[in-house]
Amino acid sequence: MKTIYTLIVLLIISSCTNEKLKVDSIGSSPDVITLPLQIIKEKSLERKGYFNLDSVDVNGLVTIDSAFYNRYFLDLSINNLKGEKIEFDPYSRYFFFDYKDTGDLALFSIIHNDEIGYDNLYHFTYDRVKKQLLQVDYLAATGSDGGQVNVDRLKYNQAGDSLIRMSAFEDESDFSKGLLVQSDSIVYQILFNRSGTKYIKLDSISKIDTVWRKN
């Protein structure tokens, strides 16, 4: 299984290809799949306007059992991580997170709490009328491992179909006389609709600092 660092880098690279407003391809034939939306809705929180992913207490969420996860989510293609699919890690935990009905669409997300301490947020866009899963996006990640820290903050509009994602990524690496600290901040507006998830880059800052060791 790929490390969370690889996934974060892929997410940043994928997002950065959306310098201008565009719709990521969802293919000519979306997955026709009947999801138990009522069960998902009952087990999920109502989508709220703002939250820090690192402040979410997963112990207060409903666990997704392995049978349900493997039946409905396993091996689904991830839109913004080309060539990647949703995997199942027996050492991780999976939770229903939030849900929102908007028009004919059902929007919901789940959290993957992995064995190295990251919370990964996957978002699903589902057409309730056509019973088509239109898109799965690797939406956000928060955690730290080996000098790498990623924090995502999310702010939805009232309808729940437009999101501002504020991401901060920091990577520390040793060199002979100190540390190199690379910091990246990026802000995207993300829109969920029937034609595909749109990523609009609003702002980004990147810098490298040197922290010298005392002799």
N, C-alpha and C. Protein backbone atom coordinates (compact mmCIF):
# COMPACT_ATOMS: atom_id res chain seq x y z
N MET A 1 0.85 -1.19 0.00
CA MET A 1 0.00 0.00 0.00
C MET A 1 0.89 1.24 0.00
N LYS A 2 0.50 2.20 -0.81
CA LYS A 2 1.30 3.42 -0.92
C LYS A 2 1.23 4.22 0.37
N THR A 3 2.29 4.94 0.67
CA THR A 3 2.32 5.74 1.88
C THR A 3 1.44 6.96 1.73
N ILE A 4 1.07 7.55 2.88
CA ILE A 4 0.23 8.74 2.86
C ILE A 4 0.97 9.90 2.20
N TYR A 5 2.31 9.93 2.34
CA TYR A 5 3.07 11.02 1.71
C TYR A 5 2.90 10.97 0.20
N THR A 6 2.95 9.75 -0.38
CA THR A 6 2.76 9.61 -1.81
C THR A 6 1.39 10.09 -2.22
N LEU A 7 0.37 9.75 -1.45
CA LEU A 7 -0.99 10.16 -1.76
C LEU A 7 -1.13 11.68 -1.71
N ILE A 8 -0.51 12.31 -0.69
CA ILE A 8 -0.60 13.77 -0.57
C ILE A 8 0.08 14.43 -1.75
N VAL A 9 1.26 13.92 -2.13
CA VAL A 9 1.96 14.50 -3.28
C VAL A 9 1.14 14.34 -4.54
N LEU A 10 0.54 13.16 -4.73
CA LEU A 10 -0.31 12.95 -5.90
C LEU A 10 -1.50 13.89 -5.88
N LEU A 11 -2.07 14.11 -4.70
CA LEU A 11 -3.20 15.02 -4.58
C LEU A 11 -2.80 16.44 -4.95
N ILE A 12 -1.64 16.89 -4.47
CA ILE A 12 -1.17 18.24 -4.79
C ILE A 12 -0.89 18.37 -6.28
N ILE A 13 -0.22 17.36 -6.86
CA ILE A 13 0.07 17.40 -8.29
C ILE A 13 -1.20 17.42 -9.11
N SER A 14 -2.16 16.55 -8.71
CA SER A 14 -3.43 16.50 -9.43
C SER A 14 -4.16 17.82 -9.35
N SER A 15 -4.19 18.43 -8.14
CA SER A 15 -4.88 19.70 -7.97
C SER A 15 -4.21 20.80 -8.78
N CYS A 16 -2.87 20.77 -8.84
CA CYS A 16 -2.15 21.83 -9.51
C CYS A 16 -2.35 21.81 -11.02
N THR A 17 -2.88 20.71 -11.57
CA THR A 17 -3.17 20.69 -13.00
C THR A 17 -4.43 21.47 -13.32
N ASN A 18 -5.16 21.88 -12.27
CA ASN A 18 -6.40 22.61 -12.45
C ASN A 18 -6.17 24.10 -12.24
N GLU A 19 -5.14 24.68 -12.89
CA GLU A 19 -4.84 26.10 -12.75
C GLU A 19 -6.03 26.93 -13.20
N LYS A 20 -6.73 26.47 -14.23
CA LYS A 20 -7.91 27.15 -14.72
C LYS A 20 -9.12 26.27 -14.43
N LEU A 21 -10.28 26.85 -14.45
CA LEU A 21 -11.50 26.10 -14.19
C LEU A 21 -11.63 24.98 -15.20
N LYS A 22 -11.79 23.74 -14.72
CA LYS A 22 -11.97 22.61 -15.61
C LYS A 22 -12.75 21.54 -14.88
N VAL A 23 -13.26 20.58 -15.64
CA VAL A 23 -13.98 19.45 -15.07
C VAL A 23 -13.14 18.21 -15.28
N ASP A 24 -12.78 17.53 -14.19
CA ASP A 24 -12.04 16.29 -14.34
C ASP A 24 -12.93 15.24 -14.99
N SER A 25 -12.35 14.47 -15.89
CA SER A 25 -13.12 13.46 -16.61
C SER A 25 -13.62 12.40 -15.65
N ILE A 26 -14.87 12.00 -15.82
CA ILE A 26 -15.41 10.90 -15.02
C ILE A 26 -15.71 9.70 -15.91
N GLY A 27 -15.25 9.76 -17.16
CA GLY A 27 -15.44 8.63 -18.05
C GLY A 27 -16.78 8.68 -18.75
N SER A 28 -16.91 7.88 -19.80
CA SER A 28 -18.13 7.90 -20.60
C SER A 28 -19.25 7.08 -19.98
N SER A 29 -18.92 6.20 -19.05
CA SER A 29 -19.96 5.36 -18.44
C SER A 29 -19.72 5.23 -16.95
N PRO A 30 -20.29 6.15 -16.13
CA PRO A 30 -20.13 6.09 -14.68
C PRO A 30 -20.64 4.77 -14.12
N ASP A 31 -20.12 4.40 -12.95
CA ASP A 31 -20.53 3.14 -12.34
C ASP A 31 -22.02 3.15 -12.01
N VAL A 32 -22.73 2.15 -12.51
CA VAL A 32 -24.14 1.99 -12.16
C VAL A 32 -24.17 1.10 -10.92
N ILE A 33 -24.52 1.70 -9.80
CA ILE A 33 -24.46 0.98 -8.54
C ILE A 33 -25.54 1.53 -7.62
N THR A 34 -26.28 0.63 -6.99
CA THR A 34 -27.31 1.05 -6.06
C THR A 34 -26.72 1.09 -4.65
N LEU A 35 -26.58 2.29 -4.13
CA LEU A 35 -26.05 2.45 -2.78
C LEU A 35 -27.19 2.54 -1.77
N PRO A 36 -27.04 1.99 -0.60
CA PRO A 36 -28.07 2.10 0.45
C PRO A 36 -28.01 3.49 1.09
N LEU A 37 -28.52 4.47 0.38
CA LEU A 37 -28.37 5.85 0.80
C LEU A 37 -29.00 6.12 2.16
N GLN A 38 -30.15 5.49 2.43
CA GLN A 38 -30.81 5.75 3.71
C GLN A 38 -29.93 5.29 4.87
N ILE A 39 -29.28 4.14 4.70
CA ILE A 39 -28.38 3.66 5.75
C ILE A 39 -27.19 4.60 5.91
N ILE A 40 -26.61 5.01 4.79
CA ILE A 40 -25.46 5.92 4.84
C ILE A 40 -25.86 7.24 5.50
N LYS A 41 -27.04 7.74 5.15
CA LYS A 41 -27.51 9.01 5.72
C LYS A 41 -27.72 8.89 7.23
N GLU A 42 -28.33 7.80 7.67
CA GLU A 42 -28.61 7.61 9.09
C GLU A 42 -27.34 7.46 9.92
N LYS A 43 -26.30 6.90 9.33
CA LYS A 43 -25.07 6.66 10.06
C LYS A 43 -24.08 7.83 9.96
N SER A 44 -24.39 8.82 9.11
CA SER A 44 -23.49 9.95 8.90
C SER A 44 -23.99 11.18 9.63
N LEU A 45 -23.10 12.14 9.82
CA LEU A 45 -23.48 13.44 10.36
C LEU A 45 -24.07 14.30 9.25
N GLU A 46 -24.90 15.25 9.62
CA GLU A 46 -25.36 16.22 8.64
C GLU A 46 -24.19 17.13 8.27
N ARG A 47 -24.03 17.36 6.98
CA ARG A 47 -22.90 18.19 6.53
C ARG A 47 -23.00 19.58 7.13
N LYS A 48 -21.91 20.02 7.76
CA LYS A 48 -21.91 21.34 8.37
C LYS A 48 -20.99 22.27 7.59
N GLY A 49 -21.03 23.55 7.96
CA GLY A 49 -20.37 24.57 7.17
C GLY A 49 -18.86 24.55 7.25
N TYR A 50 -18.30 24.34 8.44
CA TYR A 50 -16.84 24.48 8.58
C TYR A 50 -16.31 23.48 9.59
N PHE A 51 -15.17 22.89 9.28
CA PHE A 51 -14.50 22.04 10.27
C PHE A 51 -13.03 21.89 9.90
N ASN A 52 -12.22 21.68 10.94
CA ASN A 52 -10.83 21.29 10.76
C ASN A 52 -10.77 19.78 10.80
N LEU A 53 -10.17 19.19 9.80
CA LEU A 53 -10.12 17.73 9.77
C LEU A 53 -9.37 17.17 10.97
N ASP A 54 -8.38 17.93 11.47
CA ASP A 54 -7.62 17.42 12.61
C ASP A 54 -8.38 17.52 13.92
N SER A 55 -9.53 18.19 13.93
CA SER A 55 -10.32 18.31 15.15
C SER A 55 -11.48 17.32 15.19
N VAL A 56 -11.63 16.53 14.14
CA VAL A 56 -12.72 15.54 14.10
C VAL A 56 -12.37 14.37 15.01
N ASP A 57 -13.25 14.06 15.95
CA ASP A 57 -13.07 12.92 16.84
C ASP A 57 -13.70 11.69 16.20
N VAL A 58 -12.87 10.85 15.60
CA VAL A 58 -13.40 9.69 14.89
C VAL A 58 -14.09 8.71 15.83
N ASN A 59 -13.75 8.77 17.12
CA ASN A 59 -14.39 7.87 18.08
C ASN A 59 -15.87 8.18 18.26
N GLY A 60 -16.29 9.37 17.81
CA GLY A 60 -17.70 9.72 17.88
C GLY A 60 -18.46 9.41 16.60
N LEU A 61 -17.77 8.81 15.63
CA LEU A 61 -18.40 8.47 14.35
C LEU A 61 -18.78 6.99 14.32
N VAL A 62 -19.63 6.64 13.36
CA VAL A 62 -20.07 5.25 13.20
C VAL A 62 -19.08 4.51 12.32
N THR A 63 -18.58 3.39 12.80
CA THR A 63 -17.61 2.59 12.05
C THR A 63 -18.28 1.90 10.86
N ILE A 64 -17.58 1.86 9.75
CA ILE A 64 -18.03 1.10 8.58
C ILE A 64 -17.46 -0.31 8.71
N ASP A 65 -18.33 -1.32 8.80
CA ASP A 65 -17.80 -2.68 8.93
C ASP A 65 -17.22 -3.14 7.60
N SER A 66 -16.33 -4.12 7.66
CA SER A 66 -15.58 -4.55 6.48
C SER A 66 -16.48 -5.09 5.38
N ALA A 67 -17.57 -5.77 5.74
CA ALA A 67 -18.46 -6.33 4.72
C ALA A 67 -19.13 -5.22 3.92
N PHE A 68 -19.61 -4.17 4.60
CA PHE A 68 -20.24 -3.04 3.93
C PHE A 68 -19.20 -2.31 3.07
N TYR A 69 -18.04 -2.08 3.63
CA TYR A 69 -16.98 -1.36 2.91
C TYR A 69 -16.57 -2.10 1.64
N ASN A 70 -16.34 -3.41 1.77
CA ASN A 70 -15.90 -4.19 0.62
C ASN A 70 -16.97 -4.31 -0.45
N ARG A 71 -18.22 -4.30 -0.04
CA ARG A 71 -19.30 -4.44 -1.01
C ARG A 71 -19.53 -3.16 -1.81
N TYR A 72 -19.45 -2.01 -1.14
CA TYR A 72 -19.86 -0.77 -1.81
C TYR A 72 -18.72 0.17 -2.19
N PHE A 73 -17.59 0.10 -1.50
CA PHE A 73 -16.54 1.10 -1.72
C PHE A 73 -15.24 0.54 -2.30
N LEU A 74 -14.92 -0.70 -2.00
CA LEU A 74 -13.63 -1.26 -2.41
C LEU A 74 -13.47 -1.25 -3.92
N ASP A 75 -12.28 -0.82 -4.37
CA ASP A 75 -11.87 -0.83 -5.78
C ASP A 75 -12.56 0.23 -6.64
N LEU A 76 -13.27 1.18 -6.02
CA LEU A 76 -13.82 2.28 -6.81
C LEU A 76 -12.68 3.19 -7.25
N SER A 77 -12.73 3.67 -8.48
CA SER A 77 -11.69 4.55 -9.01
C SER A 77 -11.76 5.92 -8.34
N ILE A 78 -10.60 6.49 -8.04
CA ILE A 78 -10.51 7.81 -7.42
C ILE A 78 -10.24 8.83 -8.50
N ASN A 79 -11.17 9.76 -8.66
CA ASN A 79 -11.13 10.70 -9.77
C ASN A 79 -9.83 11.50 -9.85
N ASN A 80 -9.41 12.10 -8.75
CA ASN A 80 -8.28 13.03 -8.80
C ASN A 80 -6.94 12.38 -8.45
N LEU A 81 -6.90 11.07 -8.33
CA LEU A 81 -5.65 10.31 -8.23
C LEU A 81 -5.66 9.29 -9.35
N LYS A 82 -5.23 9.70 -10.51
CA LYS A 82 -5.36 8.88 -11.71
C LYS A 82 -4.70 7.52 -11.54
N GLY A 83 -5.45 6.49 -11.86
CA GLY A 83 -4.96 5.13 -11.76
C GLY A 83 -5.08 4.52 -10.38
N GLU A 84 -5.54 5.32 -9.39
CA GLU A 84 -5.67 4.82 -8.02
C GLU A 84 -7.11 4.39 -7.74
N LYS A 85 -7.26 3.40 -6.88
CA LYS A 85 -8.57 2.92 -6.46
C LYS A 85 -8.63 2.87 -4.93
N ILE A 86 -9.84 2.88 -4.41
CA ILE A 86 -10.02 2.76 -2.97
C ILE A 86 -9.58 1.35 -2.54
N GLU A 87 -8.73 1.31 -1.53
CA GLU A 87 -8.21 0.05 -1.02
C GLU A 87 -8.80 -0.25 0.35
N PHE A 88 -8.57 -1.47 0.80
CA PHE A 88 -8.95 -1.84 2.17
C PHE A 88 -7.70 -2.26 2.92
N ASP A 89 -7.47 -1.61 4.05
CA ASP A 89 -6.32 -1.91 4.91
C ASP A 89 -6.85 -2.50 6.22
N PRO A 90 -6.56 -3.76 6.50
CA PRO A 90 -7.10 -4.38 7.72
C PRO A 90 -6.59 -3.75 9.01
N TYR A 91 -5.51 -2.94 8.91
CA TYR A 91 -4.96 -2.28 10.10
C TYR A 91 -5.51 -0.86 10.28
N SER A 92 -6.41 -0.46 9.40
CA SER A 92 -7.01 0.87 9.46
C SER A 92 -8.44 0.78 9.98
N ARG A 93 -9.01 1.97 10.23
CA ARG A 93 -10.42 2.05 10.59
C ARG A 93 -11.12 2.96 9.60
N TYR A 94 -12.39 2.67 9.33
CA TYR A 94 -13.17 3.43 8.36
C TYR A 94 -14.47 3.88 9.01
N PHE A 95 -14.88 5.14 8.72
CA PHE A 95 -16.03 5.73 9.39
C PHE A 95 -16.92 6.47 8.39
N PHE A 96 -18.24 6.38 8.61
CA PHE A 96 -19.16 7.29 7.93
C PHE A 96 -18.91 8.69 8.49
N PHE A 97 -18.90 9.71 7.63
CA PHE A 97 -18.66 11.05 8.14
C PHE A 97 -19.85 11.98 7.94
N ASP A 98 -20.01 12.56 6.74
CA ASP A 98 -21.12 13.50 6.58
C ASP A 98 -21.92 13.21 5.31
N TYR A 99 -23.13 13.79 5.26
CA TYR A 99 -24.07 13.50 4.18
C TYR A 99 -24.89 14.74 3.87
N LYS A 100 -25.22 14.92 2.56
CA LYS A 100 -26.06 16.04 2.14
C LYS A 100 -26.80 15.68 0.85
N ASP A 101 -28.11 15.87 0.85
CA ASP A 101 -28.91 15.77 -0.38
C ASP A 101 -29.01 17.14 -1.01
N THR A 102 -28.74 17.22 -2.32
CA THR A 102 -28.88 18.48 -3.04
C THR A 102 -29.45 18.18 -4.42
N GLY A 103 -30.69 18.56 -4.64
CA GLY A 103 -31.34 18.22 -5.90
C GLY A 103 -31.44 16.71 -6.06
N ASP A 104 -31.03 16.21 -7.22
CA ASP A 104 -31.05 14.77 -7.48
C ASP A 104 -29.77 14.07 -7.02
N LEU A 105 -28.87 14.82 -6.43
CA LEU A 105 -27.59 14.25 -6.03
C LEU A 105 -27.53 13.98 -4.52
N ALA A 106 -26.84 12.93 -4.18
CA ALA A 106 -26.47 12.66 -2.79
C ALA A 106 -24.97 12.87 -2.68
N LEU A 107 -24.56 13.70 -1.72
CA LEU A 107 -23.15 13.98 -1.48
C LEU A 107 -22.80 13.47 -0.09
N PHE A 108 -21.80 12.61 -0.01
CA PHE A 108 -21.41 12.11 1.31
C PHE A 108 -19.92 11.80 1.32
N SER A 109 -19.36 11.65 2.51
CA SER A 109 -17.94 11.34 2.62
C SER A 109 -17.70 10.34 3.74
N ILE A 110 -16.57 9.66 3.64
CA ILE A 110 -16.13 8.72 4.67
C ILE A 110 -14.70 9.08 5.08
N ILE A 111 -14.31 8.65 6.26
CA ILE A 111 -12.96 8.91 6.76
C ILE A 111 -12.22 7.59 6.90
N HIS A 112 -11.01 7.58 6.38
CA HIS A 112 -10.08 6.46 6.55
C HIS A 112 -9.04 6.89 7.57
N ASN A 113 -9.08 6.28 8.74
CA ASN A 113 -8.10 6.55 9.80
C ASN A 113 -7.04 5.46 9.71
N ASP A 114 -5.86 5.82 9.16
CA ASP A 114 -4.88 4.78 8.84
C ASP A 114 -3.96 4.47 10.03
N GLU A 115 -3.11 3.47 9.82
CA GLU A 115 -2.30 2.95 10.92
C GLU A 115 -1.14 3.85 11.29
N ILE A 116 -0.83 4.87 10.45
CA ILE A 116 0.27 5.77 10.79
C ILE A 116 -0.21 7.11 11.32
N GLY A 117 -1.53 7.26 11.50
CA GLY A 117 -2.04 8.44 12.18
C GLY A 117 -2.63 9.52 11.30
N TYR A 118 -2.98 9.18 10.06
CA TYR A 118 -3.62 10.16 9.18
C TYR A 118 -5.12 9.89 9.09
N ASP A 119 -5.88 10.98 8.99
CA ASP A 119 -7.30 10.90 8.65
C ASP A 119 -7.44 11.34 7.20
N ASN A 120 -7.95 10.44 6.37
CA ASN A 120 -8.11 10.70 4.94
C ASN A 120 -9.60 10.77 4.60
N LEU A 121 -9.99 11.82 3.89
CA LEU A 121 -11.40 12.06 3.60
C LEU A 121 -11.68 11.75 2.13
N TYR A 122 -12.62 10.84 1.89
CA TYR A 122 -13.06 10.49 0.54
C TYR A 122 -14.49 11.00 0.33
N HIS A 123 -14.71 11.67 -0.80
CA HIS A 123 -16.02 12.26 -1.08
C HIS A 123 -16.68 11.54 -2.25
N PHE A 124 -18.00 11.31 -2.13
CA PHE A 124 -18.77 10.58 -3.13
C PHE A 124 -19.89 11.47 -3.68
N THR A 125 -20.01 11.50 -4.99
CA THR A 125 -21.11 12.21 -5.66
C THR A 125 -21.95 11.17 -6.38
N TYR A 126 -23.22 11.06 -5.99
CA TYR A 126 -24.08 9.97 -6.45
C TYR A 126 -25.39 10.52 -7.00
N ASP A 127 -25.76 10.07 -8.19
CA ASP A 127 -27.02 10.45 -8.83
C ASP A 127 -28.11 9.51 -8.33
N ARG A 128 -29.01 10.04 -7.51
CA ARG A 128 -30.04 9.20 -6.91
C ARG A 128 -31.08 8.73 -7.93
N VAL A 129 -31.32 9.52 -8.97
CA VAL A 129 -32.33 9.17 -9.97
C VAL A 129 -31.82 8.07 -10.89
N LYS A 130 -30.61 8.25 -11.41
CA LYS A 130 -30.04 7.27 -12.34
C LYS A 130 -29.31 6.14 -11.64
N LYS A 131 -29.18 6.24 -10.30
CA LYS A 131 -28.46 5.24 -9.53
C LYS A 131 -27.05 5.06 -10.09
N GLN A 132 -26.38 6.19 -10.29
CA GLN A 132 -25.02 6.18 -10.81
C GLN A 132 -24.07 6.87 -9.83
N LEU A 133 -22.99 6.19 -9.54
CA LEU A 133 -21.93 6.83 -8.77
C LEU A 133 -21.12 7.66 -9.75
N LEU A 134 -21.25 8.97 -9.67
CA LEU A 134 -20.63 9.84 -10.65
C LEU A 134 -19.14 10.04 -10.39
N GLN A 135 -18.77 10.11 -9.11
CA GLN A 135 -17.38 10.46 -8.83
C GLN A 135 -17.00 10.14 -7.40
N VAL A 136 -15.74 9.73 -7.22
CA VAL A 136 -15.14 9.60 -5.90
C VAL A 136 -13.87 10.45 -5.91
N ASP A 137 -13.72 11.33 -4.92
CA ASP A 137 -12.55 12.19 -4.83
C ASP A 137 -11.83 11.97 -3.52
N TYR A 138 -10.49 11.93 -3.59
CA TYR A 138 -9.66 11.96 -2.38
C TYR A 138 -9.58 13.42 -1.98
N LEU A 139 -10.40 13.80 -1.01
CA LEU A 139 -10.68 15.22 -0.80
C LEU A 139 -9.71 15.91 0.14
N ALA A 140 -9.27 15.23 1.20
CA ALA A 140 -8.45 15.90 2.20
C ALA A 140 -7.71 14.87 3.04
N ALA A 141 -6.65 15.35 3.72
CA ALA A 141 -5.89 14.49 4.62
C ALA A 141 -5.26 15.35 5.70
N THR A 142 -5.25 14.81 6.91
CA THR A 142 -4.60 15.50 8.03
C THR A 142 -3.87 14.48 8.89
N GLY A 143 -2.61 14.82 9.22
CA GLY A 143 -1.82 13.94 10.07
C GLY A 143 -0.35 14.28 9.94
N SER A 144 0.49 13.48 10.59
CA SER A 144 1.93 13.72 10.53
C SER A 144 2.66 12.39 10.61
N ASP A 145 3.85 12.37 9.98
CA ASP A 145 4.65 11.16 9.99
C ASP A 145 6.06 11.50 9.52
N GLY A 146 7.06 11.23 10.36
CA GLY A 146 8.45 11.37 9.97
C GLY A 146 8.85 12.75 9.49
N GLY A 147 8.39 13.79 10.18
CA GLY A 147 8.75 15.15 9.79
C GLY A 147 7.85 15.77 8.75
N GLN A 148 6.84 15.06 8.31
CA GLN A 148 5.89 15.58 7.34
C GLN A 148 4.54 15.79 8.03
N VAL A 149 3.97 16.98 7.82
CA VAL A 149 2.70 17.33 8.44
C VAL A 149 1.77 17.90 7.38
N ASN A 150 0.54 17.42 7.36
CA ASN A 150 -0.46 17.99 6.46
C ASN A 150 -1.74 18.28 7.25
N VAL A 151 -2.27 19.49 7.08
CA VAL A 151 -3.51 19.89 7.76
C VAL A 151 -4.45 20.48 6.73
N ASP A 152 -5.66 19.95 6.67
CA ASP A 152 -6.69 20.47 5.76
C ASP A 152 -7.87 21.01 6.55
N ARG A 153 -8.31 22.22 6.17
CA ARG A 153 -9.49 22.83 6.75
C ARG A 153 -10.51 23.02 5.63
N LEU A 154 -11.77 22.75 5.96
CA LEU A 154 -12.80 22.73 4.92
C LEU A 154 -13.98 23.61 5.31
N LYS A 155 -14.48 24.37 4.34
CA LYS A 155 -15.62 25.25 4.55
C LYS A 155 -16.60 25.07 3.40
N TYR A 156 -17.80 24.55 3.71
CA TYR A 156 -18.84 24.31 2.72
C TYR A 156 -19.81 25.50 2.66
N ASN A 157 -20.43 25.66 1.50
CA ASN A 157 -21.54 26.62 1.41
C ASN A 157 -22.78 26.00 2.03
N GLN A 158 -23.86 26.77 2.10
CA GLN A 158 -25.07 26.29 2.77
C GLN A 158 -25.67 25.07 2.07
N ALA A 159 -25.57 25.03 0.74
CA ALA A 159 -26.13 23.90 -0.01
C ALA A 159 -25.29 22.64 0.14
N GLY A 160 -24.03 22.79 0.54
CA GLY A 160 -23.17 21.64 0.73
C GLY A 160 -22.50 21.12 -0.52
N ASP A 161 -22.65 21.86 -1.65
CA ASP A 161 -22.07 21.38 -2.91
C ASP A 161 -20.90 22.23 -3.39
N SER A 162 -20.45 23.18 -2.57
CA SER A 162 -19.28 24.00 -2.89
C SER A 162 -18.41 24.06 -1.64
N LEU A 163 -17.12 23.84 -1.84
CA LEU A 163 -16.19 23.70 -0.72
C LEU A 163 -14.97 24.58 -0.94
N ILE A 164 -14.53 25.25 0.12
CA ILE A 164 -13.22 25.89 0.13
C ILE A 164 -12.31 25.00 0.97
N ARG A 165 -11.25 24.48 0.34
CA ARG A 165 -10.29 23.63 1.05
C ARG A 165 -8.98 24.39 1.22
N MET A 166 -8.57 24.56 2.46
CA MET A 166 -7.32 25.24 2.78
C MET A 166 -6.33 24.20 3.30
N SER A 167 -5.26 23.97 2.53
CA SER A 167 -4.30 22.92 2.85
C SER A 167 -2.96 23.52 3.24
N ALA A 168 -2.35 22.97 4.27
CA ALA A 168 -1.00 23.38 4.68
C ALA A 168 -0.15 22.13 4.84
N PHE A 169 0.95 22.06 4.07
CA PHE A 169 1.83 20.91 4.08
C PHE A 169 3.24 21.36 4.45
N GLU A 170 3.88 20.64 5.38
CA GLU A 170 5.24 20.98 5.81
C GLU A 170 6.09 19.72 5.84
N ASP A 171 7.30 19.85 5.31
CA ASP A 171 8.22 18.71 5.26
C ASP A 171 9.58 19.15 5.78
N GLU A 172 10.08 18.45 6.79
CA GLU A 172 11.40 18.74 7.36
C GLU A 172 12.39 17.68 6.91
N SER A 173 13.56 18.11 6.47
CA SER A 173 14.61 17.17 6.09
C SER A 173 15.94 17.62 6.66
N ASP A 174 16.71 16.68 7.16
CA ASP A 174 18.01 16.98 7.78
C ASP A 174 19.09 17.25 6.73
N PHE A 175 19.97 18.14 7.04
CA PHE A 175 21.23 18.21 6.32
C PHE A 175 22.33 18.43 7.35
N SER A 176 23.58 18.48 6.94
CA SER A 176 24.70 18.38 7.88
C SER A 176 24.70 19.44 8.98
N LYS A 177 24.17 20.63 8.68
CA LYS A 177 24.24 21.72 9.66
C LYS A 177 22.87 22.20 10.14
N GLY A 178 21.82 21.43 9.84
CA GLY A 178 20.52 21.86 10.32
C GLY A 178 19.37 21.17 9.62
N LEU A 179 18.28 21.91 9.49
CA LEU A 179 17.06 21.40 8.87
C LEU A 179 16.64 22.28 7.71
N LEU A 180 16.09 21.65 6.67
CA LEU A 180 15.39 22.37 5.62
C LEU A 180 13.90 22.15 5.83
N VAL A 181 13.15 23.21 5.93
CA VAL A 181 11.71 23.12 6.16
C VAL A 181 10.98 23.69 4.95
N GLN A 182 10.30 22.82 4.21
CA GLN A 182 9.52 23.26 3.06
C GLN A 182 8.06 23.37 3.46
N SER A 183 7.46 24.52 3.22
CA SER A 183 6.06 24.76 3.57
C SER A 183 5.27 25.13 2.32
N ASP A 184 4.14 24.48 2.15
CA ASP A 184 3.26 24.76 1.02
C ASP A 184 1.85 24.99 1.54
N SER A 185 1.24 26.08 1.12
CA SER A 185 -0.16 26.36 1.43
C SER A 185 -0.91 26.56 0.12
N ILE A 186 -2.07 25.95 0.03
CA ILE A 186 -2.84 26.06 -1.20
C ILE A 186 -4.32 26.10 -0.87
N VAL A 187 -5.05 26.95 -1.57
CA VAL A 187 -6.49 27.11 -1.34
C VAL A 187 -7.22 26.81 -2.64
N TYR A 188 -8.20 25.93 -2.56
CA TYR A 188 -9.02 25.58 -3.72
C TYR A 188 -10.49 25.74 -3.39
N GLN A 189 -11.25 26.15 -4.39
CA GLN A 189 -12.70 25.99 -4.34
C GLN A 189 -13.02 24.73 -5.12
N ILE A 190 -13.83 23.86 -4.51
CA ILE A 190 -14.17 22.58 -5.13
C ILE A 190 -15.69 22.50 -5.25
N LEU A 191 -16.17 22.26 -6.46
CA LEU A 191 -17.60 22.23 -6.75
C LEU A 191 -18.01 20.82 -7.14
N PHE A 192 -19.09 20.34 -6.53
CA PHE A 192 -19.59 18.99 -6.80
C PHE A 192 -20.89 19.09 -7.61
N ASN A 193 -20.91 18.50 -8.80
CA ASN A 193 -22.12 18.50 -9.60
C ASN A 193 -22.15 17.30 -10.52
N ARG A 194 -23.20 17.18 -11.30
CA ARG A 194 -23.41 16.02 -12.15
C ARG A 194 -22.36 15.89 -13.25
N SER A 195 -21.84 17.00 -13.73
CA SER A 195 -20.90 16.96 -14.84
C SER A 195 -19.47 16.65 -14.40
N GLY A 196 -19.21 16.61 -13.10
CA GLY A 196 -17.88 16.28 -12.61
C GLY A 196 -17.41 17.29 -11.58
N THR A 197 -16.48 16.88 -10.75
CA THR A 197 -15.94 17.77 -9.72
C THR A 197 -15.03 18.81 -10.35
N LYS A 198 -15.25 20.07 -10.01
CA LYS A 198 -14.43 21.16 -10.54
C LYS A 198 -13.50 21.67 -9.44
N TYR A 199 -12.24 21.89 -9.80
CA TYR A 199 -11.24 22.42 -8.89
C TYR A 199 -10.80 23.79 -9.40
N ILE A 200 -10.96 24.80 -8.57
CA ILE A 200 -10.57 26.15 -8.94
C ILE A 200 -9.51 26.62 -7.95
N LYS A 201 -8.30 26.84 -8.44
CA LYS A 201 -7.21 27.28 -7.58
C LYS A 201 -7.38 28.75 -7.25
N LEU A 202 -7.44 29.07 -5.95
CA LEU A 202 -7.63 30.45 -5.50
C LEU A 202 -6.34 31.11 -5.04
N ASP A 203 -5.47 30.33 -4.40
CA ASP A 203 -4.25 30.94 -3.86
C ASP A 203 -3.25 29.84 -3.53
N SER A 204 -1.96 30.18 -3.54
CA SER A 204 -0.93 29.23 -3.14
C SER A 204 0.33 29.97 -2.71
N ILE A 205 1.00 29.43 -1.71
CA ILE A 205 2.26 29.98 -1.21
C ILE A 205 3.21 28.82 -0.96
N SER A 206 4.46 28.97 -1.40
CA SER A 206 5.46 27.95 -1.15
C SER A 206 6.75 28.62 -0.71
N LYS A 207 7.38 28.06 0.33
CA LYS A 207 8.64 28.63 0.80
C LYS A 207 9.51 27.56 1.43
N ILE A 208 10.81 27.83 1.45
CA ILE A 208 11.77 26.93 2.08
C ILE A 208 12.58 27.72 3.10
N ASP A 209 12.61 27.25 4.34
CA ASP A 209 13.36 27.89 5.41
C ASP A 209 14.51 26.98 5.85
N THR A 210 15.59 27.58 6.27
CA THR A 210 16.72 26.84 6.82
C THR A 210 16.82 27.10 8.31
N VAL A 211 16.88 26.02 9.07
CA VAL A 211 17.05 26.11 10.52
C VAL A 211 18.43 25.57 10.84
N TRP A 212 19.36 26.48 11.22
CA TRP A 212 20.73 26.07 11.47
C TRP A 212 20.90 25.53 12.88
N ARG A 213 21.71 24.52 12.98
CA ARG A 213 22.04 23.95 14.29
C ARG A 213 23.14 24.79 14.95
N LYS A 214 23.06 24.89 16.27
CA LYS A 214 24.11 25.58 17.01
C LYS A 214 25.35 24.71 17.08
N ASN A 215 26.51 25.33 16.96
CA ASN A 215 27.77 24.57 17.04
C ASN A 215 28.00 24.04 18.45
